[in-house]
Structure formats: structure tokens, C-alpha cells
Amino acid sequence: MTPAPHGGGHDDTAATVLLLRRLVERNGTWVLVKVFAAMAVWLALHLFRAALVLVVRLLTGAMARADRYTTAAVLTPPTRRVNHYFDAHNGHDYDPHHFEHTTTPAGHGPPGPRMPWEAAHA
């Protein structure tokens, strides 16, 4: 009976143990510790990378959702007047301030002459 090329679990374990024994005999225990430390560092970096990939995917999803919301908000036409200073209860578009003097009795039309400080800050 011939063993399978790479399917036998017992043969692979025995080969690994033999390899580690040769490593200790040739180079000492300190080299074996270095090999296991290198494997531990590799495993830790691999797991850390997996966590970073998860964080990147979460951030990508959040950014895509924010992009969809912003795009929809910008491209949707407004449903009401954009001028927030417009009094919705008043039917006229122009509502002069209390300090503006007008020539018409209803308070509409072009404002009267301004004070010098108003002209400078208009």
C-alpha cells in the first residue's frame, strides 16, 4: 500500500516534527523560537489586516449612503419657496421692513430714500 501524495495526515505530521527536530539539532532552540515568533507575527498581521478590511468596507458603505443622500438632496427640486424670509401668510412677494419708508399706502413698491449707513451696508 502506497501513501497518498498529500492526503495522509499522519505522514505530514511526522514530516513536520522531523523538520523541527532537525532545525533544533542544527541551529539550536533559539532559532526554533525565532521561527515560531515569525509565524506568530505573520498571523497577527494577517488578522489585523482582516480587521482593517472590515473597517474599510464599513466606511465605504457609509460613504456610499452619504453620497446617495447628498445626491438625492441636491437633485430633488424644492417643494416650497426657497426664500426663508418670505412670510407665507402674506400673499405678496415683497414685505418691506418696518424701517423702510414706501411711497404707496399699502407698503408695497420701491422703498423710499435710504439713510447713508443703509446705502453703505446694502
Protein backbone atom coordinates (compact mmCIF):
# COMPACT_ATOMS: atom_id res chain seq x y z
CA MET A 1 0.00 0.00 0.00
CA THR A 2 1.46 3.38 -1.05
CA PRO A 3 0.64 6.56 0.86
CA ALA A 4 -1.32 9.33 -0.86
CA PRO A 5 0.87 12.17 -2.16
CA HIS A 6 -0.59 14.89 0.08
CA GLY A 7 -3.67 13.34 1.63
CA GLY A 8 -2.20 11.46 4.58
CA GLY A 9 -2.44 13.39 7.86
CA HIS A 10 -0.07 11.13 9.83
CA ASP A 11 2.77 11.35 7.30
CA ASP A 12 2.54 15.14 7.10
CA THR A 13 2.65 15.49 10.90
CA ALA A 14 5.63 13.18 11.14
CA ALA A 15 7.46 15.13 8.44
CA THR A 16 6.81 18.41 10.27
CA VAL A 17 8.06 17.02 13.57
CA LEU A 18 11.17 15.65 11.83
CA LEU A 19 11.81 19.02 10.19
CA LEU A 20 11.51 20.86 13.52
CA ARG A 21 13.80 18.31 15.23
CA ARG A 22 16.46 18.81 12.52
CA LEU A 23 16.11 22.58 12.91
CA VAL A 24 16.73 22.34 16.67
CA GLU A 25 19.66 19.93 16.24
CA ARG A 26 21.41 22.07 13.61
CA ASN A 27 20.69 25.61 14.83
CA GLY A 28 19.50 25.37 18.44
CA THR A 29 16.35 26.20 20.31
CA TRP A 30 16.71 29.93 19.80
CA VAL A 31 16.21 29.55 16.02
CA LEU A 32 13.07 27.47 16.68
CA VAL A 33 11.75 30.28 18.89
CA LYS A 34 12.50 32.78 16.11
CA VAL A 35 10.59 30.64 13.58
CA PHE A 36 7.54 30.47 15.85
CA ALA A 37 7.79 34.19 16.59
CA ALA A 38 7.87 34.93 12.86
CA MET A 39 4.81 32.73 12.37
CA ALA A 40 3.02 34.49 15.25
CA VAL A 41 3.83 37.92 13.77
CA TRP A 42 2.59 36.78 10.36
CA LEU A 43 -0.66 35.53 11.89
CA ALA A 44 -1.14 38.72 13.91
CA LEU A 45 -0.57 40.91 10.84
CA HIS A 46 -2.96 38.79 8.81
CA LEU A 47 -5.70 39.10 11.45
CA PHE A 48 -5.04 42.84 11.81
CA ARG A 49 -5.30 43.23 8.04
CA ALA A 50 -8.63 41.40 8.08
CA ALA A 51 -9.93 43.82 10.72
CA LEU A 52 -8.76 46.79 8.64
CA VAL A 53 -10.51 45.38 5.57
CA LEU A 54 -13.72 45.16 7.59
CA VAL A 55 -13.37 48.77 8.74
CA VAL A 56 -12.70 49.91 5.17
CA ARG A 57 -15.81 48.10 3.92
CA LEU A 58 -17.94 49.69 6.65
CA LEU A 59 -16.57 53.16 5.81
CA THR A 60 -17.15 52.57 2.10
CA GLY A 61 -20.77 51.63 2.78
CA ALA A 62 -21.31 54.68 4.98
CA MET A 63 -19.72 56.98 2.40
CA ALA A 64 -21.86 55.49 -0.38
CA ARG A 65 -25.01 56.04 1.68
CA ALA A 66 -24.00 59.65 2.43
CA ASP A 67 -23.25 60.18 -1.27
CA ARG A 68 -26.67 58.83 -2.29
CA TYR A 69 -28.39 61.06 0.29
CA THR A 70 -26.46 64.16 -0.79
CA THR A 71 -27.04 63.49 -4.50
CA ALA A 72 -30.78 62.99 -3.94
CA ALA A 73 -30.98 66.14 -1.82
CA VAL A 74 -29.19 68.25 -4.43
CA LEU A 75 -31.06 66.89 -7.46
CA THR A 76 -34.56 66.96 -5.93
CA PRO A 77 -36.34 70.23 -6.76
CA PRO A 78 -37.60 72.16 -3.73
CA THR A 79 -41.24 71.60 -2.78
CA ARG A 80 -41.73 75.07 -1.29
CA ARG A 81 -40.27 78.54 -1.60
CA VAL A 82 -36.55 78.80 -1.09
CA ASN A 83 -36.72 82.28 0.47
CA HIS A 84 -36.94 81.57 4.19
CA TYR A 85 -37.67 85.22 4.95
CA PHE A 86 -40.90 85.16 2.95
CA ASP A 87 -43.99 85.35 5.12
CA ALA A 88 -46.23 82.55 3.87
CA HIS A 89 -49.31 84.15 5.44
CA ASN A 90 -48.81 87.31 3.44
CA GLY A 91 -49.84 87.00 -0.21
CA HIS A 92 -47.30 89.49 -1.50
CA ASP A 93 -43.75 88.77 -2.57
CA TYR A 94 -42.31 91.97 -1.14
CA ASP A 95 -42.66 92.68 2.54
CA PRO A 96 -40.73 95.83 3.48
CA HIS A 97 -39.05 96.08 6.82
CA HIS A 98 -40.53 98.32 9.42
CA PHE A 99 -37.78 100.91 8.94
CA GLU A 100 -38.23 101.22 5.15
CA HIS A 101 -40.36 104.14 4.00
CA THR A 102 -42.52 103.49 0.99
CA THR A 103 -44.41 105.78 -1.32
CA THR A 104 -47.51 103.63 -1.65
CA PRO A 105 -50.05 103.39 1.15
CA ALA A 106 -50.20 99.59 1.17
CA GLY A 107 -46.48 99.34 1.90
CA HIS A 108 -45.54 97.92 -1.48
CA GLY A 109 -43.42 99.23 -4.26
CA PRO A 110 -39.91 100.59 -4.29
CA PRO A 111 -38.56 101.74 -0.97
CA GLY A 112 -38.02 105.40 -0.35
CA PRO A 113 -34.67 107.09 0.12
CA ARG A 114 -32.27 105.28 2.40
CA MET A 115 -30.20 106.58 5.22
CA PRO A 116 -26.47 106.93 4.43
CA TRP A 117 -25.49 103.99 6.63
CA GLU A 118 -28.10 101.78 4.94
CA ALA A 119 -26.76 102.58 1.49
CA ALA A 120 -23.24 101.68 2.59
CA HIS A 121 -24.33 98.31 4.00
CA ALA A 122 -26.91 97.30 1.42
